[in-house]
């Protein structure tokens, strides 16, 4: 099969299109013919080697976490899916590789594609949808009437998280640039802070939840807009000891995580708020919950650009530029 592979870590590394063997299917996996794959910042960070401690991949590596496609083969133990099913998923860590013509996906990570979405639209959903779900539903337990601050509202996670938070009945604040104010308002944002002209730490206060996706300075400021008992959930780090324990990291890695997050955890304790790091995981059951919301019209995909398979490196570069509104997708078939 054709695939775009990474041969060595590096911020400026490019992917090479090559013929490689089709993945060998395990008994609990489904072979998916890839029709579309989304590009995420996670792919760029992996390419740059930022997660080598957490995810020690072997080279060469096929990147890509999001897939929408058609089932062409099922493992011996698979019961939920059959040949010809249209499906979508966020592939599991160490089984990624959706920048290719075929990918093997665990049955437990897979769901039927929403009937009202195209393959490209469906591919845009899993990673950002599961990130928002695990942050707001699983970790924050966001409820009706609470106030949540979702950073970077026009980005991939932001566009989904705003819609999910509104569905849950929360009041939603977000940051974006002047050009994207109408977009985030159309998704349900109640309070929009134009980061080019306003400081969110001045405008916002007494929040129940913050979903942090930005740098360390923004993280520190975000702690101060929470009310006592509030929760800050960060998807951009630093990883905390609880995360290291959850993934069974070696002792020295857990020590590094403890040191990296010691400052923010200390500040959070002083302010009487909670801090936790989220590295989202594949989850077919949660994806089915998301499918129901999409088919009911509560959430819609937001796609900036669709690139052809041959332009996978250009799609990666566009995501890395930080200019994307919503998601960037690669049309493989």
C-alpha atoms as a PDB file:
ATOM      1  CA  UNK A   1       0.000   0.000   0.000  1.00  0.00           C
ATOM      2  CA  UNK A   2       1.012   3.640  -0.398  1.00  0.00           C
ATOM      3  CA  UNK A   3       1.771   5.566   2.802  1.00  0.00           C
ATOM      4  CA  UNK A   4       3.514   8.716   3.963  1.00  0.00           C
ATOM      5  CA  UNK A   5       6.250   7.748   6.412  1.00  0.00           C
ATOM      6  CA  UNK A   6       8.452   9.605   8.867  1.00  0.00           C
ATOM      7  CA  UNK A   7      12.037   8.359   8.881  1.00  0.00           C
ATOM      8  CA  UNK A   8      13.465  10.494  11.682  1.00  0.00           C
ATOM      9  CA  UNK A   9      12.277  12.989  14.259  1.00  0.00           C
ATOM     10  CA  UNK A  10      12.680  16.669  13.450  1.00  0.00           C
ATOM     11  CA  UNK A  11      10.583  19.809  13.373  1.00  0.00           C
ATOM     12  CA  UNK A  12      11.511  20.344   9.729  1.00  0.00           C
ATOM     13  CA  UNK A  13      11.332  16.694   8.701  1.00  0.00           C
ATOM     14  CA  UNK A  14       9.024  15.849   5.804  1.00  0.00           C
ATOM     15  CA  UNK A  15       7.094  12.664   5.161  1.00  0.00           C
ATOM     16  CA  UNK A  16       8.099  10.376   2.301  1.00  0.00           C
ATOM     17  CA  UNK A  17       5.548   8.563   0.143  1.00  0.00           C
ATOM     18  CA  UNK A  18       6.515   4.908  -0.172  1.00  0.00           C
ATOM     19  CA  UNK A  19       5.129   1.430  -0.761  1.00  0.00           C
ATOM     20  CA  UNK A  20       4.942  -0.460   2.523  1.00  0.00           C
ATOM     21  CA  UNK A  21       3.185  -3.685   3.591  1.00  0.00           C
ATOM     22  CA  UNK A  22      -0.498  -3.492   4.508  1.00  0.00           C
ATOM     23  CA  UNK A  23      -0.862  -3.746   8.335  1.00  0.00           C
ATOM     24  CA  UNK A  24      -1.053  -7.288   9.717  1.00  0.00           C
ATOM     25  CA  UNK A  25      -4.441  -7.634  11.374  1.00  0.00           C
ATOM     26  CA  UNK A  26      -4.718  -8.740  15.005  1.00  0.00           C
ATOM     27  CA  UNK A  27      -7.707 -10.803  16.166  1.00  0.00           C
ATOM     28  CA  UNK A  28      -9.431  -7.815  17.823  1.00  0.00           C
ATOM     29  CA  UNK A  29      -8.850  -5.406  14.911  1.00  0.00           C
ATOM     30  CA  UNK A  30     -10.594  -4.282  11.745  1.00  0.00           C
ATOM     31  CA  UNK A  31      -8.764  -3.371   8.525  1.00  0.00           C
ATOM     32  CA  UNK A  32     -10.100  -0.053   7.246  1.00  0.00           C
ATOM     33  CA  UNK A  33      -9.674   1.176   3.682  1.00  0.00           C
ATOM     34  CA  UNK A  34      -8.836   4.823   4.346  1.00  0.00           C
ATOM     35  CA  UNK A  35     -11.022   7.333   2.507  1.00  0.00           C
ATOM     36  CA  UNK A  36     -10.070  10.403   4.559  1.00  0.00           C
ATOM     37  CA  UNK A  37      -7.700  11.287   7.402  1.00  0.00           C
ATOM     38  CA  UNK A  38      -7.492  14.462   9.467  1.00  0.00           C
ATOM     39  CA  UNK A  39      -4.258  16.242  10.369  1.00  0.00           C
ATOM     40  CA  UNK A  40      -3.800  17.239  14.007  1.00  0.00           C
ATOM     41  CA  UNK A  41      -1.194  19.234  15.906  1.00  0.00           C
ATOM     42  CA  UNK A  42      -0.444  15.946  17.661  1.00  0.00           C
ATOM     43  CA  UNK A  43       0.962  14.635  14.365  1.00  0.00           C
ATOM     44  CA  UNK A  44       3.292  17.631  14.119  1.00  0.00           C
ATOM     45  CA  UNK A  45       4.397  17.278  17.731  1.00  0.00           C
ATOM     46  CA  UNK A  46       5.121  13.578  17.218  1.00  0.00           C
ATOM     47  CA  UNK A  47       7.086  14.421  14.062  1.00  0.00           C
ATOM     48  CA  UNK A  48       9.165  16.919  16.029  1.00  0.00           C
ATOM     49  CA  UNK A  49       9.872  14.324  18.733  1.00  0.00           C
ATOM     50  CA  UNK A  50       8.040  16.182  21.500  1.00  0.00           C
ATOM     51  CA  UNK A  51       6.422  13.012  22.878  1.00  0.00           C
ATOM     52  CA  UNK A  52       9.413  10.673  22.735  1.00  0.00           C
ATOM     53  CA  UNK A  53       9.290  10.066  26.491  1.00  0.00           C
ATOM     54  CA  UNK A  54       5.569   9.307  26.527  1.00  0.00           C
ATOM     55  CA  UNK A  55       5.290   7.584  23.143  1.00  0.00           C
ATOM     56  CA  UNK A  56       8.598   5.958  22.159  1.00  0.00           C
ATOM     57  CA  UNK A  57       7.741   5.036  18.549  1.00  0.00           C
ATOM     58  CA  UNK A  58      10.081   3.044  16.333  1.00  0.00           C
ATOM     59  CA  UNK A  59      11.072   4.483  12.948  1.00  0.00           C
ATOM     60  CA  UNK A  60       9.989   4.467  10.189  1.00  0.00           C
ATOM     61  CA  UNK A  61       6.547   5.629  11.334  1.00  0.00           C
ATOM     62  CA  UNK A  62       3.290   6.322   9.507  1.00  0.00           C
ATOM     63  CA  UNK A  63       1.611   9.326  11.134  1.00  0.00           C
ATOM     64  CA  UNK A  64      -2.118  10.075  11.292  1.00  0.00           C
ATOM     65  CA  UNK A  65      -4.623   9.486  14.117  1.00  0.00           C
ATOM     66  CA  UNK A  66      -8.044  10.179  12.550  1.00  0.00           C
ATOM     67  CA  UNK A  67      -9.671   7.976   9.937  1.00  0.00           C
ATOM     68  CA  UNK A  68     -12.934   7.560   8.066  1.00  0.00           C
ATOM     69  CA  UNK A  69     -13.299   4.687   5.652  1.00  0.00           C
ATOM     70  CA  UNK A  70     -14.725   1.276   4.822  1.00  0.00           C
ATOM     71  CA  UNK A  71     -14.200  -2.071   6.563  1.00  0.00           C
ATOM     72  CA  UNK A  72     -12.441  -4.501   4.201  1.00  0.00           C
ATOM     73  CA  UNK A  73     -11.378  -7.228   6.658  1.00  0.00           C
ATOM     74  CA  UNK A  74     -12.192  -8.210  10.246  1.00  0.00           C
ATOM     75  CA  UNK A  75     -10.196 -10.090  12.875  1.00  0.00           C
ATOM     76  CA  UNK A  76     -11.322 -13.441  14.289  1.00  0.00           C
ATOM     77  CA  UNK A  77     -12.715 -11.932  17.498  1.00  0.00           C
ATOM     78  CA  UNK A  78     -14.512  -8.957  15.934  1.00  0.00           C
ATOM     79  CA  UNK A  79     -18.305  -9.027  16.378  1.00  0.00           C
ATOM     80  CA  UNK A  80     -19.577  -5.452  15.921  1.00  0.00           C
ATOM     81  CA  UNK A  81     -18.427  -4.737  12.361  1.00  0.00           C
ATOM     82  CA  UNK A  82     -18.728  -6.402   8.977  1.00  0.00           C
ATOM     83  CA  UNK A  83     -17.288  -5.932   5.503  1.00  0.00           C
ATOM     84  CA  UNK A  84     -18.570  -2.774   3.813  1.00  0.00           C
ATOM     85  CA  UNK A  85     -19.387  -0.872   7.021  1.00  0.00           C
ATOM     86  CA  UNK A  86     -18.586   2.852   6.823  1.00  0.00           C
ATOM     87  CA  UNK A  87     -16.656   3.659  10.001  1.00  0.00           C
ATOM     88  CA  UNK A  88     -14.543   6.280  11.733  1.00  0.00           C
ATOM     89  CA  UNK A  89     -12.051   6.298  14.609  1.00  0.00           C
ATOM     90  CA  UNK A  90      -9.164   7.820  16.451  1.00  0.00           C
ATOM     91  CA  UNK A  91      -6.588   5.040  16.179  1.00  0.00           C
ATOM     92  CA  UNK A  92      -4.844   3.761  19.308  1.00  0.00           C
ATOM     93  CA  UNK A  93      -1.375   4.898  20.312  1.00  0.00           C
ATOM     94  CA  UNK A  94       1.275   2.585  18.793  1.00  0.00           C
ATOM     95  CA  UNK A  95      -1.270   1.579  16.086  1.00  0.00           C
ATOM     96  CA  UNK A  96      -1.550   4.977  14.405  1.00  0.00           C
ATOM     97  CA  UNK A  97      -0.950   5.369  10.677  1.00  0.00           C
ATOM     98  CA  UNK A  98      -3.917   6.866   8.844  1.00  0.00           C
ATOM     99  CA  UNK A  99      -1.762   8.734   6.287  1.00  0.00           C
ATOM    100  CA  UNK A 100      -1.960   5.533   4.261  1.00  0.00           C
ATOM    101  CA  UNK A 101      -4.317   3.528   2.065  1.00  0.00           C
ATOM    102  CA  UNK A 102      -5.167   1.058   4.856  1.00  0.00           C
ATOM    103  CA  UNK A 103      -5.009   1.104   8.650  1.00  0.00           C
ATOM    104  CA  UNK A 104      -5.731  -1.507  11.333  1.00  0.00           C
ATOM    105  CA  UNK A 105      -8.064  -0.264  14.087  1.00  0.00           C
ATOM    106  CA  UNK A 106      -9.095  -1.953  17.334  1.00  0.00           C
ATOM    107  CA  UNK A 107     -12.770  -2.911  17.378  1.00  0.00           C
ATOM    108  CA  UNK A 108     -13.154  -1.121  20.726  1.00  0.00           C
ATOM    109  CA  UNK A 109     -11.905   2.152  19.203  1.00  0.00           C
ATOM    110  CA  UNK A 110     -14.151   2.105  16.137  1.00  0.00           C
ATOM    111  CA  UNK A 111     -17.692   3.406  15.488  1.00  0.00           C
ATOM    112  CA  UNK A 112     -20.044   3.554  12.538  1.00  0.00           C
ATOM    113  CA  UNK A 113     -19.684   6.844  10.650  1.00  0.00           C
ATOM    114  CA  UNK A 114     -22.455   9.406  11.251  1.00  0.00           C
ATOM    115  CA  UNK A 115     -24.987   8.944   8.446  1.00  0.00           C
ATOM    116  CA  UNK A 116     -25.260  12.676   7.764  1.00  0.00           C
ATOM    117  CA  UNK A 117     -21.510  13.271   7.268  1.00  0.00           C
ATOM    118  CA  UNK A 118     -19.231  12.776   4.279  1.00  0.00           C
ATOM    119  CA  UNK A 119     -16.031  10.787   4.736  1.00  0.00           C
ATOM    120  CA  UNK A 120     -14.026  14.026   4.931  1.00  0.00           C
ATOM    121  CA  UNK A 121     -16.368  15.493   7.557  1.00  0.00           C
ATOM    122  CA  UNK A 122     -16.329  12.269   9.583  1.00  0.00           C
ATOM    123  CA  UNK A 123     -12.518  12.087   9.534  1.00  0.00           C
ATOM    124  CA  UNK A 124     -12.374  15.573  11.069  1.00  0.00           C
ATOM    125  CA  UNK A 125     -14.201  14.512  14.228  1.00  0.00           C
ATOM    126  CA  UNK A 126     -12.620  11.681  16.289  1.00  0.00           C
ATOM    127  CA  UNK A 127      -9.506  13.172  17.913  1.00  0.00           C
ATOM    128  CA  UNK A 128     -10.969  16.616  18.645  1.00  0.00           C
ATOM    129  CA  UNK A 129     -14.368  15.179  19.548  1.00  0.00           C
ATOM    130  CA  UNK A 130     -12.926  12.676  21.999  1.00  0.00           C
ATOM    131  CA  UNK A 131     -10.584  15.326  23.429  1.00  0.00           C
ATOM    132  CA  UNK A 132     -13.522  17.635  24.141  1.00  0.00           C
ATOM    133  CA  UNK A 133     -15.656  14.781  25.495  1.00  0.00           C
ATOM    134  CA  UNK A 134     -12.957  13.466  27.815  1.00  0.00           C
ATOM    135  CA  UNK A 135     -12.135  16.971  29.047  1.00  0.00           C
ATOM    136  CA  UNK A 136     -15.642  18.360  29.545  1.00  0.00           C
ATOM    137  CA  UNK A 137     -17.768  15.266  30.245  1.00  0.00           C
ATOM    138  CA  UNK A 138     -15.321  12.794  31.785  1.00  0.00           C
ATOM    139  CA  UNK A 139     -12.886  15.035  33.697  1.00  0.00           C
ATOM    140  CA  UNK A 140     -14.752  18.306  34.293  1.00  0.00           C
ATOM    141  CA  UNK A 141     -18.228  16.722  34.590  1.00  0.00           C
ATOM    142  CA  UNK A 142     -19.551  19.965  33.125  1.00  0.00           C
ATOM    143  CA  UNK A 143     -23.218  20.612  33.999  1.00  0.00           C
ATOM    144  CA  UNK A 144     -25.980  23.013  33.049  1.00  0.00           C
ATOM    145  CA  UNK A 145     -25.427  26.552  34.307  1.00  0.00           C
ATOM    146  CA  UNK A 146     -21.666  26.265  34.791  1.00  0.00           C
ATOM    147  CA  UNK A 147     -19.233  28.657  33.124  1.00  0.00           C
ATOM    148  CA  UNK A 148     -16.408  27.302  30.955  1.00  0.00           C
ATOM    149  CA  UNK A 149     -13.516  28.997  29.155  1.00  0.00           C
ATOM    150  CA  UNK A 150     -12.436  27.197  25.980  1.00  0.00           C
ATOM    151  CA  UNK A 151      -9.239  28.666  24.563  1.00  0.00           C
ATOM    152  CA  UNK A 152      -8.608  29.085  20.822  1.00  0.00           C
ATOM    153  CA  UNK A 153     -12.256  28.735  19.865  1.00  0.00           C
ATOM    154  CA  UNK A 154     -11.658  28.688  16.108  1.00  0.00           C
ATOM    155  CA  UNK A 155      -9.188  25.771  16.274  1.00  0.00           C
ATOM    156  CA  UNK A 156      -9.962  22.086  15.826  1.00  0.00           C
ATOM    157  CA  UNK A 157     -10.636  21.273  19.489  1.00  0.00           C
ATOM    158  CA  UNK A 158     -12.184  24.676  20.139  1.00  0.00           C
ATOM    159  CA  UNK A 159     -14.835  24.492  17.424  1.00  0.00           C
ATOM    160  CA  UNK A 160     -16.009  21.108  18.729  1.00  0.00           C
ATOM    161  CA  UNK A 161     -15.697  21.900  22.450  1.00  0.00           C
ATOM    162  CA  UNK A 162     -17.790  25.087  22.184  1.00  0.00           C
ATOM    163  CA  UNK A 163     -20.653  23.118  20.628  1.00  0.00           C
ATOM    164  CA  UNK A 164     -20.394  20.301  23.170  1.00  0.00           C
ATOM    165  CA  UNK A 165     -20.313  22.718  26.119  1.00  0.00           C
ATOM    166  CA  UNK A 166     -23.402  24.522  24.807  1.00  0.00           C
ATOM    167  CA  UNK A 167     -25.194  21.188  24.379  1.00  0.00           C
ATOM    168  CA  UNK A 168     -24.386  20.453  28.038  1.00  0.00           C
ATOM    169  CA  UNK A 169     -25.998  23.757  29.031  1.00  0.00           C
ATOM    170  CA  UNK A 170     -22.885  25.706  30.008  1.00  0.00           C
ATOM    171  CA  UNK A 171     -22.116  29.375  29.429  1.00  0.00           C
ATOM    172  CA  UNK A 172     -19.128  29.414  27.084  1.00  0.00           C
ATOM    173  CA  UNK A 173     -16.309  31.953  26.872  1.00  0.00           C
ATOM    174  CA  UNK A 174     -13.564  31.685  24.257  1.00  0.00           C
ATOM    175  CA  UNK A 175     -10.661  33.530  22.673  1.00  0.00           C
ATOM    176  CA  UNK A 176     -10.154  34.093  18.973  1.00  0.00           C
ATOM    177  CA  UNK A 177      -8.926  36.695  16.501  1.00  0.00           C
ATOM    178  CA  UNK A 178     -11.121  39.443  15.073  1.00  0.00           C
ATOM    179  CA  UNK A 179     -11.610  37.533  11.817  1.00  0.00           C
ATOM    180  CA  UNK A 180     -13.120  34.505  13.591  1.00  0.00           C
ATOM    181  CA  UNK A 181     -15.542  36.175  16.011  1.00  0.00           C
ATOM    182  CA  UNK A 182     -18.594  35.425  13.852  1.00  0.00           C
ATOM    183  CA  UNK A 183     -17.542  31.780  13.493  1.00  0.00           C
ATOM    184  CA  UNK A 184     -17.252  31.089  17.235  1.00  0.00           C
ATOM    185  CA  UNK A 185     -20.504  32.965  17.938  1.00  0.00           C
ATOM    186  CA  UNK A 186     -22.255  30.789  15.341  1.00  0.00           C
ATOM    187  CA  UNK A 187     -21.019  27.712  17.232  1.00  0.00           C
ATOM    188  CA  UNK A 188     -22.551  28.988  20.482  1.00  0.00           C
ATOM    189  CA  UNK A 189     -19.883  31.062  22.263  1.00  0.00           C
ATOM    190  CA  UNK A 190     -21.532  33.493  24.706  1.00  0.00           C
ATOM    191  CA  UNK A 191     -18.475  35.593  25.578  1.00  0.00           C
ATOM    192  CA  UNK A 192     -15.814  36.162  22.905  1.00  0.00           C
ATOM    193  CA  UNK A 193     -12.477  37.708  23.809  1.00  0.00           C
ATOM    194  CA  UNK A 194     -10.551  39.121  20.847  1.00  0.00           C
ATOM    195  CA  UNK A 195      -7.014  38.228  21.902  1.00  0.00           C
ATOM    196  CA  UNK A 196      -5.586  40.907  19.613  1.00  0.00           C
ATOM    197  CA  UNK A 197      -7.266  43.721  21.547  1.00  0.00           C
ATOM    198  CA  UNK A 198      -8.258  42.222  24.931  1.00  0.00           C
ATOM    199  CA  UNK A 199      -6.665  40.269  27.783  1.00  0.00           C
ATOM    200  CA  UNK A 200      -8.869  37.346  28.800  1.00  0.00           C
ATOM    201  CA  UNK A 201      -7.595  37.460  32.389  1.00  0.00           C
ATOM    202  CA  UNK A 202      -9.099  40.955  32.682  1.00  0.00           C
ATOM    203  CA  UNK A 203     -12.436  40.097  31.046  1.00  0.00           C
ATOM    204  CA  UNK A 204     -13.139  36.668  32.614  1.00  0.00           C
ATOM    205  CA  UNK A 205     -13.592  35.678  36.268  1.00  0.00           C
ATOM    206  CA  UNK A 206     -15.277  33.130  38.554  1.00  0.00           C
ATOM    207  CA  UNK A 207     -15.235  30.311  36.002  1.00  0.00           C
ATOM    208  CA  UNK A 208     -15.970  26.677  36.827  1.00  0.00           C
ATOM    209  CA  UNK A 209     -13.786  25.083  34.120  1.00  0.00           C
ATOM    210  CA  UNK A 210     -10.935  26.091  31.821  1.00  0.00           C
ATOM    211  CA  UNK A 211      -9.873  23.952  28.852  1.00  0.00           C
ATOM    212  CA  UNK A 212      -6.271  25.024  28.263  1.00  0.00           C
ATOM    213  CA  UNK A 213      -4.626  24.398  24.899  1.00  0.00           C
ATOM    214  CA  UNK A 214      -2.017  27.167  24.837  1.00  0.00           C
ATOM    215  CA  UNK A 215       1.428  27.921  26.271  1.00  0.00           C
ATOM    216  CA  UNK A 216       2.708  28.166  29.841  1.00  0.00           C
ATOM    217  CA  UNK A 217       2.011  31.888  30.224  1.00  0.00           C
ATOM    218  CA  UNK A 218      -1.614  31.382  29.206  1.00  0.00           C
ATOM    219  CA  UNK A 219      -1.828  28.442  31.608  1.00  0.00           C
ATOM    220  CA  UNK A 220      -0.712  30.598  34.556  1.00  0.00           C
ATOM    221  CA  UNK A 221      -3.184  33.343  33.681  1.00  0.00           C
ATOM    222  CA  UNK A 222      -5.969  30.779  33.286  1.00  0.00           C
ATOM    223  CA  UNK A 223      -5.591  29.584  36.873  1.00  0.00           C
ATOM    224  CA  UNK A 224      -6.522  33.084  38.039  1.00  0.00           C
ATOM    225  CA  UNK A 225      -9.888  33.234  36.216  1.00  0.00           C
ATOM    226  CA  UNK A 226     -11.238  30.151  38.016  1.00  0.00           C
ATOM    227  CA  UNK A 227     -13.347  30.354  41.149  1.00  0.00           C
ATOM    228  CA  UNK A 228     -12.278  28.310  44.198  1.00  0.00           C
ATOM    229  CA  UNK A 229     -13.020  24.675  43.505  1.00  0.00           C
ATOM    230  CA  UNK A 230     -12.781  25.237  39.744  1.00  0.00           C
ATOM    231  CA  UNK A 231     -10.920  22.899  37.401  1.00  0.00           C
ATOM    232  CA  UNK A 232      -8.227  23.598  34.820  1.00  0.00           C
ATOM    233  CA  UNK A 233      -7.782  20.789  32.307  1.00  0.00           C
ATOM    234  CA  UNK A 234      -4.803  21.168  29.987  1.00  0.00           C
ATOM    235  CA  UNK A 235      -4.297  19.336  26.702  1.00  0.00           C
ATOM    236  CA  UNK A 236      -0.993  21.095  26.000  1.00  0.00           C
ATOM    237  CA  UNK A 237       0.847  20.141  29.175  1.00  0.00           C
ATOM    238  CA  UNK A 238       2.644  19.923  31.412  1.00  0.00           C
ATOM    239  CA  UNK A 239       1.820  16.266  32.172  1.00  0.00           C
ATOM    240  CA  UNK A 240       1.119  15.558  35.839  1.00  0.00           C
ATOM    241  CA  UNK A 241       1.973  12.565  38.088  1.00  0.00           C
ATOM    242  CA  UNK A 242      -1.559  11.136  37.764  1.00  0.00           C
ATOM    243  CA  UNK A 243      -1.122  10.901  34.002  1.00  0.00           C
ATOM    244  CA  UNK A 244       2.259   9.184  34.378  1.00  0.00           C
ATOM    245  CA  UNK A 245       0.686   6.620  36.693  1.00  0.00           C
ATOM    246  CA  UNK A 246      -2.306   6.087  34.370  1.00  0.00           C
ATOM    247  CA  UNK A 247      -0.109   5.196  31.393  1.00  0.00           C
ATOM    248  CA  UNK A 248       2.252   3.060  33.479  1.00  0.00           C
ATOM    249  CA  UNK A 249       5.257   5.247  32.680  1.00  0.00           C
ATOM    250  CA  UNK A 250       8.688   4.168  34.012  1.00  0.00           C
ATOM    251  CA  UNK A 251       9.773   5.704  37.305  1.00  0.00           C
ATOM    252  CA  UNK A 252      12.193   8.219  35.773  1.00  0.00           C
ATOM    253  CA  UNK A 253       9.505   9.421  33.321  1.00  0.00           C
ATOM    254  CA  UNK A 254       7.031   9.898  36.186  1.00  0.00           C
ATOM    255  CA  UNK A 255       9.698  11.876  38.042  1.00  0.00           C
ATOM    256  CA  UNK A 256      10.188  14.134  34.998  1.00  0.00           C
ATOM    257  CA  UNK A 257       6.418  14.694  34.808  1.00  0.00           C
ATOM    258  CA  UNK A 258       6.282  15.525  38.514  1.00  0.00           C
ATOM    259  CA  UNK A 259       9.036  18.109  38.089  1.00  0.00           C
ATOM    260  CA  UNK A 260       7.567  19.621  34.910  1.00  0.00           C
ATOM    261  CA  UNK A 261       4.163  20.150  36.520  1.00  0.00           C
ATOM    262  CA  UNK A 262       5.300  21.060  40.051  1.00  0.00           C
ATOM    263  CA  UNK A 263       5.010  24.824  39.508  1.00  0.00           C
ATOM    264  CA  UNK A 264       1.487  24.808  38.061  1.00  0.00           C
ATOM    265  CA  UNK A 265       0.254  22.287  40.642  1.00  0.00           C
ATOM    266  CA  UNK A 266       1.660  24.443  43.445  1.00  0.00           C
ATOM    267  CA  UNK A 267      -0.041  27.574  42.049  1.00  0.00           C
ATOM    268  CA  UNK A 268      -3.309  25.676  41.636  1.00  0.00           C
ATOM    269  CA  UNK A 269      -3.239  24.480  45.272  1.00  0.00           C
ATOM    270  CA  UNK A 270      -2.552  28.024  46.466  1.00  0.00           C
ATOM    271  CA  UNK A 271      -5.593  29.313  44.540  1.00  0.00           C
ATOM    272  CA  UNK A 272      -7.824  26.432  45.655  1.00  0.00           C
ATOM    273  CA  UNK A 273      -8.360  25.067  42.146  1.00  0.00           C
ATOM    274  CA  UNK A 274      -7.663  21.741  40.469  1.00  0.00           C
ATOM    275  CA  UNK A 275      -5.139  21.043  37.713  1.00  0.00           C
ATOM    276  CA  UNK A 276      -5.013  17.964  35.498  1.00  0.00           C
ATOM    277  CA  UNK A 277      -3.402  17.021  32.198  1.00  0.00           C
ATOM    278  CA  UNK A 278      -5.361  15.212  29.482  1.00  0.00           C
ATOM    279  CA  UNK A 279      -3.807  13.123  26.732  1.00  0.00           C
ATOM    280  CA  UNK A 280      -6.897  11.834  25.000  1.00  0.00           C
ATOM    281  CA  UNK A 281      -7.380   8.141  24.251  1.00  0.00           C
ATOM    282  CA  UNK A 282      -9.220   6.185  21.568  1.00  0.00           C
ATOM    283  CA  UNK A 283     -12.720   5.190  22.701  1.00  0.00           C
ATOM    284  CA  UNK A 284     -15.376   3.677  20.442  1.00  0.00           C
ATOM    285  CA  UNK A 285     -18.249   3.949  22.954  1.00  0.00           C
ATOM    286  CA  UNK A 286     -17.656   7.682  23.447  1.00  0.00           C
ATOM    287  CA  UNK A 287     -17.444   8.093  19.680  1.00  0.00           C
ATOM    288  CA  UNK A 288     -20.904   6.512  19.407  1.00  0.00           C
ATOM    289  CA  UNK A 289     -22.224   9.115  21.883  1.00  0.00           C
ATOM    290  CA  UNK A 290     -20.691  11.814  19.676  1.00  0.00           C
ATOM    291  CA  UNK A 291     -22.293  10.216  16.599  1.00  0.00           C
ATOM    292  CA  UNK A 292     -25.723  10.564  18.228  1.00  0.00           C
ATOM    293  CA  UNK A 293     -25.131  14.271  18.848  1.00  0.00           C
ATOM    294  CA  UNK A 294     -23.982  14.819  15.260  1.00  0.00           C
ATOM    295  CA  UNK A 295     -26.913  12.921  13.753  1.00  0.00           C
ATOM    296  CA  UNK A 296     -29.288  14.915  16.001  1.00  0.00           C
ATOM    297  CA  UNK A 297     -27.808  18.170  14.685  1.00  0.00           C
ATOM    298  CA  UNK A 298     -26.341  19.290  18.035  1.00  0.00           C
ATOM    299  CA  UNK A 299     -22.779  19.374  16.674  1.00  0.00           C
ATOM    300  CA  UNK A 300     -21.473  20.029  13.184  1.00  0.00           C
ATOM    301  CA  UNK A 301     -17.966  19.599  11.782  1.00  0.00           C
ATOM    302  CA  UNK A 302     -15.922  22.678  10.920  1.00  0.00           C
ATOM    303  CA  UNK A 303     -13.424  22.080   8.113  1.00  0.00           C
ATOM    304  CA  UNK A 304     -10.993  24.667   6.795  1.00  0.00           C
ATOM    305  CA  UNK A 305      -9.331  22.805   3.906  1.00  0.00           C
ATOM    306  CA  UNK A 306      -9.286  19.398   2.255  1.00  0.00           C
ATOM    307  CA  UNK A 307      -5.972  18.359   0.661  1.00  0.00           C
ATOM    308  CA  UNK A 308      -5.346  15.500  -1.770  1.00  0.00           C
ATOM    309  CA  UNK A 309      -3.332  12.490  -0.595  1.00  0.00           C
ATOM    310  CA  UNK A 310      -0.338  13.618  -2.658  1.00  0.00           C
ATOM    311  CA  UNK A 311      -0.342  16.909  -0.702  1.00  0.00           C
ATOM    312  CA  UNK A 312      -0.020  15.344   2.771  1.00  0.00           C
ATOM    313  CA  UNK A 313       3.134  17.341   3.568  1.00  0.00           C
ATOM    314  CA  UNK A 314       1.387  20.572   2.511  1.00  0.00           C
ATOM    315  CA  UNK A 315      -1.534  19.678   4.808  1.00  0.00           C
ATOM    316  CA  UNK A 316       0.902  19.172   7.693  1.00  0.00           C
ATOM    317  CA  UNK A 317       2.592  22.511   6.980  1.00  0.00           C
ATOM    318  CA  UNK A 318      -0.786  24.285   6.903  1.00  0.00           C
ATOM    319  CA  UNK A 319      -1.716  22.908  10.334  1.00  0.00           C
ATOM    320  CA  UNK A 320       1.700  23.897  11.684  1.00  0.00           C
ATOM    321  CA  UNK A 321       1.190  27.462  10.411  1.00  0.00           C
ATOM    322  CA  UNK A 322      -1.565  27.960  13.017  1.00  0.00           C
ATOM    323  CA  UNK A 323      -3.910  29.552  10.469  1.00  0.00           C
ATOM    324  CA  UNK A 324      -6.497  26.782  10.238  1.00  0.00           C
ATOM    325  CA  UNK A 325     -10.112  27.496  11.182  1.00  0.00           C
ATOM    326  CA  UNK A 326     -11.430  24.172  12.366  1.00  0.00           C
ATOM    327  CA  UNK A 327      -9.926  21.027  10.870  1.00  0.00           C
ATOM    328  CA  UNK A 328      -7.635  20.137   7.965  1.00  0.00           C
ATOM    329  CA  UNK A 329      -8.399  16.876   6.176  1.00  0.00           C
ATOM    330  CA  UNK A 330      -6.587  14.660   3.656  1.00  0.00           C
ATOM    331  CA  UNK A 331      -8.776  12.975   1.025  1.00  0.00           C
ATOM    332  CA  UNK A 332      -7.084   9.604   0.437  1.00  0.00           C
ATOM    333  CA  UNK A 333      -9.776   8.090  -1.851  1.00  0.00           C
END
